[in-house]
Amino acid sequence: MNLWLTPHAREDLDYWRQSQPAMALRVEKLLDRLAAGEKLPDLGHTRLEFGLVSLMSFKIAPEHRLVLETLGDDLIVHQCRFHY
């Protein structure tokens, strides 16, 4: 599976790397697992429907979500911080 990060998701990950390296490591491990085709642990996932786009939200902290979109063999990360 090909893993792509939007510019917004890259900014979020850079923020974690600078302010909370432990959270950055956690997010990076989750993204590695997704890229390898593994299922994520039960992180309180939710399917988000926005018109024709179907996104998944995974809880990574009480107030932070990982928002993803699957398009064929591509996995697009839209957000790594805050709530959708």
PDB file of N, CA and C in Angstrom:
ATOM      1  N   MET A   1       0.854  -1.174   0.000  1.00  0.00           N
ATOM      2  CA  MET A   1       0.000   0.000   0.000  1.00  0.00           C
ATOM      3  C   MET A   1       0.901   1.239   0.000  1.00  0.00           C
ATOM      4  N   ASN A   2       0.556   2.214  -0.830  1.00  0.00           N
ATOM      5  CA  ASN A   2       1.301   3.464  -0.912  1.00  0.00           C
ATOM      6  C   ASN A   2       0.743   4.443   0.110  1.00  0.00           C
ATOM      7  N   LEU A   3       1.608   5.033   0.901  1.00  0.00           N
ATOM      8  CA  LEU A   3       1.201   5.972   1.940  1.00  0.00           C
ATOM      9  C   LEU A   3       1.553   7.387   1.500  1.00  0.00           C
ATOM     10  N   TRP A   4       0.549   8.271   1.501  1.00  0.00           N
ATOM     11  CA  TRP A   4       0.729   9.661   1.113  1.00  0.00           C
ATOM     12  C   TRP A   4       0.248  10.550   2.245  1.00  0.00           C
ATOM     13  N   LEU A   5       0.977  11.608   2.518  1.00  0.00           N
ATOM     14  CA  LEU A   5       0.568  12.598   3.503  1.00  0.00           C
ATOM     15  C   LEU A   5       0.266  13.910   2.791  1.00  0.00           C
ATOM     16  N   THR A   6      -0.873  14.501   3.096  1.00  0.00           N
ATOM     17  CA  THR A   6      -1.194  15.811   2.551  1.00  0.00           C
ATOM     18  C   THR A   6      -0.271  16.837   3.208  1.00  0.00           C
ATOM     19  N   PRO A   7      -0.147  18.023   2.621  1.00  0.00           N
ATOM     20  CA  PRO A   7       0.665  19.058   3.267  1.00  0.00           C
ATOM     21  C   PRO A   7       0.225  19.337   4.704  1.00  0.00           C
ATOM     22  N   HIS A   8      -1.082  19.307   4.941  1.00  0.00           N
ATOM     23  CA  HIS A   8      -1.596  19.532   6.295  1.00  0.00           C
ATOM     24  C   HIS A   8      -1.130  18.428   7.248  1.00  0.00           C
ATOM     25  N   ALA A   9      -1.185  17.190   6.806  1.00  0.00           N
ATOM     26  CA  ALA A   9      -0.741  16.069   7.639  1.00  0.00           C
ATOM     27  C   ALA A   9       0.757  16.157   7.922  1.00  0.00           C
ATOM     28  N   ARG A  10       1.544  16.586   6.942  1.00  0.00           N
ATOM     29  CA  ARG A  10       2.992  16.766   7.152  1.00  0.00           C
ATOM     30  C   ARG A  10       3.259  17.834   8.206  1.00  0.00           C
ATOM     31  N   GLU A  11       2.494  18.924   8.163  1.00  0.00           N
ATOM     32  CA  GLU A  11       2.629  19.975   9.168  1.00  0.00           C
ATOM     33  C   GLU A  11       2.297  19.435  10.553  1.00  0.00           C
ATOM     34  N   ASP A  12       1.230  18.636  10.636  1.00  0.00           N
ATOM     35  CA  ASP A  12       0.850  18.038  11.913  1.00  0.00           C
ATOM     36  C   ASP A  12       1.961  17.152  12.459  1.00  0.00           C
ATOM     37  N   LEU A  13       2.527  16.307  11.603  1.00  0.00           N
ATOM     38  CA  LEU A  13       3.586  15.402  12.032  1.00  0.00           C
ATOM     39  C   LEU A  13       4.835  16.192  12.435  1.00  0.00           C
ATOM     40  N   ASP A  14       5.163  17.240  11.703  1.00  0.00           N
ATOM     41  CA  ASP A  14       6.296  18.094  12.076  1.00  0.00           C
ATOM     42  C   ASP A  14       6.071  18.744  13.435  1.00  0.00           C
ATOM     43  N   TYR A  15       4.830  19.158  13.684  1.00  0.00           N
ATOM     44  CA  TYR A  15       4.503  19.729  14.989  1.00  0.00           C
ATOM     45  C   TYR A  15       4.787  18.729  16.106  1.00  0.00           C
ATOM     46  N   TRP A  16       4.325  17.475  15.916  1.00  0.00           N
ATOM     47  CA  TRP A  16       4.553  16.450  16.934  1.00  0.00           C
ATOM     48  C   TRP A  16       6.049  16.205  17.132  1.00  0.00           C
ATOM     49  N   ARG A  17       6.806  16.177  16.047  1.00  0.00           N
ATOM     50  CA  ARG A  17       8.245  15.932  16.150  1.00  0.00           C
ATOM     51  C   ARG A  17       8.928  17.014  16.980  1.00  0.00           C
ATOM     52  N   GLN A  18       8.474  18.258  16.829  1.00  0.00           N
ATOM     53  CA  GLN A  18       9.099  19.360  17.549  1.00  0.00           C
ATOM     54  C   GLN A  18       8.616  19.484  18.983  1.00  0.00           C
ATOM     55  N   SER A  19       7.339  19.274  19.220  1.00  0.00           N
ATOM     56  CA  SER A  19       6.781  19.537  20.548  1.00  0.00           C
ATOM     57  C   SER A  19       6.629  18.297  21.429  1.00  0.00           C
ATOM     58  N   GLN A  20       6.304  17.148  20.820  1.00  0.00           N
ATOM     59  CA  GLN A  20       6.086  15.922  21.590  1.00  0.00           C
ATOM     60  C   GLN A  20       6.621  14.732  20.804  1.00  0.00           C
ATOM     61  N   PRO A  21       7.928  14.489  20.880  1.00  0.00           N
ATOM     62  CA  PRO A  21       8.528  13.392  20.112  1.00  0.00           C
ATOM     63  C   PRO A  21       7.883  12.026  20.367  1.00  0.00           C
ATOM     64  N   ALA A  22       7.394  11.794  21.571  1.00  0.00           N
ATOM     65  CA  ALA A  22       6.757  10.502  21.865  1.00  0.00           C
ATOM     66  C   ALA A  22       5.484  10.329  21.045  1.00  0.00           C
ATOM     67  N   MET A  23       4.704  11.400  20.899  1.00  0.00           N
ATOM     68  CA  MET A  23       3.490  11.324  20.083  1.00  0.00           C
ATOM     69  C   MET A  23       3.859  11.149  18.610  1.00  0.00           C
ATOM     70  N   ALA A  24       4.915  11.838  18.160  1.00  0.00           N
ATOM     71  CA  ALA A  24       5.366  11.684  16.773  1.00  0.00           C
ATOM     72  C   ALA A  24       5.746  10.236  16.500  1.00  0.00           C
ATOM     73  N   LEU A  25       6.455   9.620  17.434  1.00  0.00           N
ATOM     74  CA  LEU A  25       6.855   8.221  17.281  1.00  0.00           C
ATOM     75  C   LEU A  25       5.627   7.318  17.215  1.00  0.00           C
ATOM     76  N   ARG A  26       4.651   7.591  18.049  1.00  0.00           N
ATOM     77  CA  ARG A  26       3.423   6.787  18.041  1.00  0.00           C
ATOM     78  C   ARG A  26       2.703   6.896  16.696  1.00  0.00           C
ATOM     79  N   VAL A  27       2.579   8.123  16.187  1.00  0.00           N
ATOM     80  CA  VAL A  27       1.906   8.336  14.899  1.00  0.00           C
ATOM     81  C   VAL A  27       2.692   7.658  13.784  1.00  0.00           C
ATOM     82  N   GLU A  28       4.016   7.797  13.794  1.00  0.00           N
ATOM     83  CA  GLU A  28       4.843   7.188  12.752  1.00  0.00           C
ATOM     84  C   GLU A  28       4.725   5.670  12.759  1.00  0.00           C
ATOM     85  N   LYS A  29       4.667   5.067  13.946  1.00  0.00           N
ATOM     86  CA  LYS A  29       4.493   3.610  14.032  1.00  0.00           C
ATOM     87  C   LYS A  29       3.143   3.180  13.471  1.00  0.00           C
ATOM     88  N   LEU A  30       2.098   3.957  13.774  1.00  0.00           N
ATOM     89  CA  LEU A  30       0.774   3.646  13.231  1.00  0.00           C
ATOM     90  C   LEU A  30       0.773   3.755  11.712  1.00  0.00           C
ATOM     91  N   LEU A  31       1.417   4.784  11.184  1.00  0.00           N
ATOM     92  CA  LEU A  31       1.480   4.957   9.730  1.00  0.00           C
ATOM     93  C   LEU A  31       2.279   3.831   9.082  1.00  0.00           C
ATOM     94  N   ASP A  32       3.366   3.388   9.729  1.00  0.00           N
ATOM     95  CA  ASP A  32       4.145   2.259   9.210  1.00  0.00           C
ATOM     96  C   ASP A  32       3.295   0.998   9.157  1.00  0.00           C
ATOM     97  N   ARG A  33       2.502   0.768  10.191  1.00  0.00           N
ATOM     98  CA  ARG A  33       1.636  -0.414  10.215  1.00  0.00           C
ATOM     99  C   ARG A  33       0.604  -0.356   9.095  1.00  0.00           C
ATOM    100  N   LEU A  34       0.040   0.822   8.887  1.00  0.00           N
ATOM    101  CA  LEU A  34      -0.943   0.983   7.812  1.00  0.00           C
ATOM    102  C   LEU A  34      -0.306   0.760   6.453  1.00  0.00           C
ATOM    103  N   ALA A  35       0.890   1.305   6.244  1.00  0.00           N
ATOM    104  CA  ALA A  35       1.584   1.143   4.964  1.00  0.00           C
ATOM    105  C   ALA A  35       1.909  -0.317   4.697  1.00  0.00           C
ATOM    106  N   ALA A  36       2.134  -1.089   5.760  1.00  0.00           N
ATOM    107  CA  ALA A  36       2.435  -2.509   5.622  1.00  0.00           C
ATOM    108  C   ALA A  36       1.163  -3.343   5.432  1.00  0.00           C
ATOM    109  N   GLY A  37      -0.001  -2.690   5.482  1.00  0.00           N
ATOM    110  CA  GLY A  37      -1.257  -3.401   5.283  1.00  0.00           C
ATOM    111  C   GLY A  37      -1.816  -4.028   6.543  1.00  0.00           C
ATOM    112  N   GLU A  38      -1.237  -3.691   7.697  1.00  0.00           N
ATOM    113  CA  GLU A  38      -1.733  -4.238   8.968  1.00  0.00           C
ATOM    114  C   GLU A  38      -2.966  -3.466   9.426  1.00  0.00           C
ATOM    115  N   LYS A  39      -3.750  -4.121  10.230  1.00  0.00           N
ATOM    116  CA  LYS A  39      -4.894  -3.453  10.839  1.00  0.00           C
ATOM    117  C   LYS A  39      -4.417  -2.716  12.081  1.00  0.00           C
ATOM    118  N   LEU A  40      -5.049  -1.590  12.346  1.00  0.00           N
ATOM    119  CA  LEU A  40      -4.708  -0.830  13.538  1.00  0.00           C
ATOM    120  C   LEU A  40      -5.404  -1.425  14.747  1.00  0.00           C
ATOM    121  N   PRO A  41      -4.804  -1.246  15.915  1.00  0.00           N
ATOM    122  CA  PRO A  41      -5.503  -1.693  17.122  1.00  0.00           C
ATOM    123  C   PRO A  41      -6.791  -0.894  17.273  1.00  0.00           C
ATOM    124  N   ASP A  42      -7.672  -1.363  18.108  1.00  0.00           N
ATOM    125  CA  ASP A  42      -8.943  -0.669  18.302  1.00  0.00           C
ATOM    126  C   ASP A  42      -8.661   0.713  18.883  1.00  0.00           C
ATOM    127  N   LEU A  43      -8.707   1.718  18.023  1.00  0.00           N
ATOM    128  CA  LEU A  43      -8.407   3.085  18.430  1.00  0.00           C
ATOM    129  C   LEU A  43      -9.645   3.968  18.409  1.00  0.00           C
ATOM    130  N   GLY A  44     -10.786   3.380  18.492  1.00  0.00           N
ATOM    131  CA  GLY A  44     -11.999   4.175  18.441  1.00  0.00           C
ATOM    132  C   GLY A  44     -12.189   4.786  17.068  1.00  0.00           C
ATOM    133  N   HIS A  45     -12.228   3.949  16.033  1.00  0.00           N
ATOM    134  CA  HIS A  45     -12.347   4.455  14.675  1.00  0.00           C
ATOM    135  C   HIS A  45     -13.796   4.780  14.322  1.00  0.00           C
ATOM    136  N   THR A  46     -13.920   5.747  13.419  1.00  0.00           N
ATOM    137  CA  THR A  46     -15.215   6.225  12.960  1.00  0.00           C
ATOM    138  C   THR A  46     -15.147   6.458  11.464  1.00  0.00           C
ATOM    139  N   ARG A  47     -16.167   6.060  10.753  1.00  0.00           N
ATOM    140  CA  ARG A  47     -16.245   6.341   9.318  1.00  0.00           C
ATOM    141  C   ARG A  47     -16.910   7.710   9.161  1.00  0.00           C
ATOM    142  N   LEU A  48     -16.235   8.578   8.399  1.00  0.00           N
ATOM    143  CA  LEU A  48     -16.739   9.925   8.142  1.00  0.00           C
ATOM    144  C   LEU A  48     -17.180  10.009   6.691  1.00  0.00           C
ATOM    145  N   GLU A  49     -18.382  10.460   6.453  1.00  0.00           N
ATOM    146  CA  GLU A  49     -18.895  10.583   5.087  1.00  0.00           C
ATOM    147  C   GLU A  49     -19.014  12.052   4.715  1.00  0.00           C
ATOM    148  N   PHE A  50     -18.267  12.465   3.701  1.00  0.00           N
ATOM    149  CA  PHE A  50     -18.330  13.830   3.200  1.00  0.00           C
ATOM    150  C   PHE A  50     -18.588  13.768   1.696  1.00  0.00           C
ATOM    151  N   GLY A  51     -19.832  13.741   1.298  1.00  0.00           N
ATOM    152  CA  GLY A  51     -20.174  13.648  -0.115  1.00  0.00           C
ATOM    153  C   GLY A  51     -19.677  12.342  -0.699  1.00  0.00           C
ATOM    154  N   LEU A  52     -18.833  12.407  -1.710  1.00  0.00           N
ATOM    155  CA  LEU A  52     -18.314  11.211  -2.365  1.00  0.00           C
ATOM    156  C   LEU A  52     -17.056  10.671  -1.698  1.00  0.00           C
ATOM    157  N   VAL A  53     -16.503  11.425  -0.756  1.00  0.00           N
ATOM    158  CA  VAL A  53     -15.258  11.029  -0.107  1.00  0.00           C
ATOM    159  C   VAL A  53     -15.575  10.305   1.195  1.00  0.00           C
ATOM    160  N   SER A  54     -14.981   9.144   1.377  1.00  0.00           N
ATOM    161  CA  SER A  54     -15.161   8.383   2.605  1.00  0.00           C
ATOM    162  C   SER A  54     -13.849   8.375   3.370  1.00  0.00           C
ATOM    163  N   LEU A  55     -13.871   8.924   4.552  1.00  0.00           N
ATOM    164  CA  LEU A  55     -12.684   9.011   5.392  1.00  0.00           C
ATOM    165  C   LEU A  55     -12.868   8.164   6.639  1.00  0.00           C
ATOM    166  N   MET A  56     -11.746   7.756   7.231  1.00  0.00           N
ATOM    167  CA  MET A  56     -11.761   7.053   8.509  1.00  0.00           C
ATOM    168  C   MET A  56     -11.014   7.906   9.518  1.00  0.00           C
ATOM    169  N   SER A  57     -11.517   7.962  10.716  1.00  0.00           N
ATOM    170  CA  SER A  57     -10.890   8.699  11.793  1.00  0.00           C
ATOM    171  C   SER A  57     -10.508   7.715  12.887  1.00  0.00           C
ATOM    172  N   PHE A  58      -9.252   7.783  13.330  1.00  0.00           N
ATOM    173  CA  PHE A  58      -8.765   6.925  14.406  1.00  0.00           C
ATOM    174  C   PHE A  58      -8.309   7.801  15.563  1.00  0.00           C
ATOM    175  N   LYS A  59      -8.767   7.471  16.742  1.00  0.00           N
ATOM    176  CA  LYS A  59      -8.419   8.234  17.934  1.00  0.00           C
ATOM    177  C   LYS A  59      -6.987   7.897  18.348  1.00  0.00           C
ATOM    178  N   ILE A  60      -6.099   8.916  18.415  1.00  0.00           N
ATOM    179  CA  ILE A  60      -4.718   8.693  18.842  1.00  0.00           C
ATOM    180  C   ILE A  60      -4.436   9.333  20.198  1.00  0.00           C
ATOM    181  N   ALA A  61      -5.334  10.189  20.649  1.00  0.00           N
ATOM    182  CA  ALA A  61      -5.283  10.814  21.978  1.00  0.00           C
ATOM    183  C   ALA A  61      -6.691  11.345  22.230  1.00  0.00           C
ATOM    184  N   PRO A  62      -7.014  11.710  23.452  1.00  0.00           N
ATOM    185  CA  PRO A  62      -8.384  12.159  23.711  1.00  0.00           C
ATOM    186  C   PRO A  62      -8.876  13.253  22.772  1.00  0.00           C
ATOM    187  N   GLU A  63      -8.022  14.188  22.409  1.00  0.00           N
ATOM    188  CA  GLU A  63      -8.469  15.281  21.551  1.00  0.00           C
ATOM    189  C   GLU A  63      -7.847  15.264  20.157  1.00  0.00           C
ATOM    190  N   HIS A  64      -7.144  14.183  19.805  1.00  0.00           N
ATOM    191  CA  HIS A  64      -6.465  14.124  18.508  1.00  0.00           C
ATOM    192  C   HIS A  64      -6.881  12.894  17.715  1.00  0.00           C
ATOM    193  N   ARG A  65      -6.998  13.092  16.394  1.00  0.00           N
ATOM    194  CA  ARG A  65      -7.416  12.020  15.497  1.00  0.00           C
ATOM    195  C   ARG A  65      -6.468  11.906  14.315  1.00  0.00           C
ATOM    196  N   LEU A  66      -6.347  10.705  13.803  1.00  0.00           N
ATOM    197  CA  LEU A  66      -5.642  10.413  12.565  1.00  0.00           C
ATOM    198  C   LEU A  66      -6.741  10.211  11.524  1.00  0.00           C
ATOM    199  N   VAL A  67      -6.802  11.069  10.502  1.00  0.00           N
ATOM    200  CA  VAL A  67      -7.859  11.003   9.490  1.00  0.00           C
ATOM    201  C   VAL A  67      -7.256  10.499   8.190  1.00  0.00           C
ATOM    202  N   LEU A  68      -7.808   9.395   7.681  1.00  0.00           N
ATOM    203  CA  LEU A  68      -7.269   8.693   6.519  1.00  0.00           C
ATOM    204  C   LEU A  68      -8.329   8.489   5.450  1.00  0.00           C
ATOM    205  N   GLU A  69      -7.842   8.341   4.231  1.00  0.00           N
ATOM    206  CA  GLU A  69      -8.703   8.024   3.092  1.00  0.00           C
ATOM    207  C   GLU A  69      -8.016   6.924   2.284  1.00  0.00           C
ATOM    208  N   THR A  70      -8.757   5.911   1.883  1.00  0.00           N
ATOM    209  CA  THR A  70      -8.206   4.839   1.062  1.00  0.00           C
ATOM    210  C   THR A  70      -8.732   4.981  -0.359  1.00  0.00           C
ATOM    211  N   LEU A  71      -7.789   5.042  -1.309  1.00  0.00           N
ATOM    212  CA  LEU A  71      -8.135   5.104  -2.733  1.00  0.00           C
ATOM    213  C   LEU A  71      -7.364   4.007  -3.442  1.00  0.00           C
ATOM    214  N   GLY A  72      -8.008   2.887  -3.689  1.00  0.00           N
ATOM    215  CA  GLY A  72      -7.332   1.756  -4.317  1.00  0.00           C
ATOM    216  C   GLY A  72      -6.188   1.278  -3.443  1.00  0.00           C
ATOM    217  N   ASP A  73      -4.961   1.314  -3.980  1.00  0.00           N
ATOM    218  CA  ASP A  73      -3.782   0.911  -3.215  1.00  0.00           C
ATOM    219  C   ASP A  73      -3.121   2.080  -2.503  1.00  0.00           C
ATOM    220  N   ASP A  74      -3.742   3.243  -2.538  1.00  0.00           N
ATOM    221  CA  ASP A  74      -3.179   4.429  -1.908  1.00  0.00           C
ATOM    222  C   ASP A  74      -3.903   4.725  -0.601  1.00  0.00           C
ATOM    223  N   LEU A  75      -3.128   5.074   0.395  1.00  0.00           N
ATOM    224  CA  LEU A  75      -3.665   5.500   1.673  1.00  0.00           C
ATOM    225  C   LEU A  75      -3.228   6.946   1.866  1.00  0.00           C
ATOM    226  N   ILE A  76      -4.189   7.841   1.945  1.00  0.00           N
ATOM    227  CA  ILE A  76      -3.903   9.266   2.061  1.00  0.00           C
ATOM    228  C   ILE A  76      -4.202   9.710   3.489  1.00  0.00           C
ATOM    229  N   VAL A  77      -3.196  10.284   4.135  1.00  0.00           N
ATOM    230  CA  VAL A  77      -3.346  10.802   5.493  1.00  0.00           C
ATOM    231  C   VAL A  77      -3.663  12.289   5.373  1.00  0.00           C
ATOM    232  N   HIS A  78      -4.809  12.687   5.907  1.00  0.00           N
ATOM    233  CA  HIS A  78      -5.241  14.074   5.817  1.00  0.00           C
ATOM    234  C   HIS A  78      -4.908  14.879   7.069  1.00  0.00           C
ATOM    235  N   GLN A  79      -4.822  14.199   8.210  1.00  0.00           N
ATOM    236  CA  GLN A  79      -4.681  14.921   9.464  1.00  0.00           C
ATOM    237  C   GLN A  79      -4.075  14.003  10.516  1.00  0.00           C
ATOM    238  N   CYS A  80      -3.188  14.545  11.344  1.00  0.00           N
ATOM    239  CA  CYS A  80      -2.560  13.788  12.433  1.00  0.00           C
ATOM    240  C   CYS A  80      -2.713  14.484  13.773  1.00  0.00           C
ATOM    241  N   ARG A  81      -3.520  15.519  13.814  1.00  0.00           N
ATOM    242  CA  ARG A  81      -3.630  16.311  15.025  1.00  0.00           C
ATOM    243  C   ARG A  81      -5.001  16.953  15.079  1.00  0.00           C
ATOM    244  N   PHE A  82      -5.470  17.190  16.254  1.00  0.00           N
ATOM    245  CA  PHE A  82      -6.776  17.804  16.536  1.00  0.00           C
ATOM    246  C   PHE A  82      -7.927  16.883  16.153  1.00  0.00           C
ATOM    247  N   HIS A  83      -9.112  17.391  16.289  1.00  0.00           N
ATOM    248  CA  HIS A  83     -10.344  16.656  16.014  1.00  0.00           C
ATOM    249  C   HIS A  83     -10.831  17.045  14.634  1.00  0.00           C
ATOM    250  N   TYR A  84     -11.459  16.135  13.902  1.00  0.00           N
ATOM    251  CA  TYR A  84     -11.917  16.410  12.537  1.00  0.00           C
ATOM    252  C   TYR A  84     -12.910  17.506  12.482  1.00  0.00           C
TER     253      TYR A  84
END
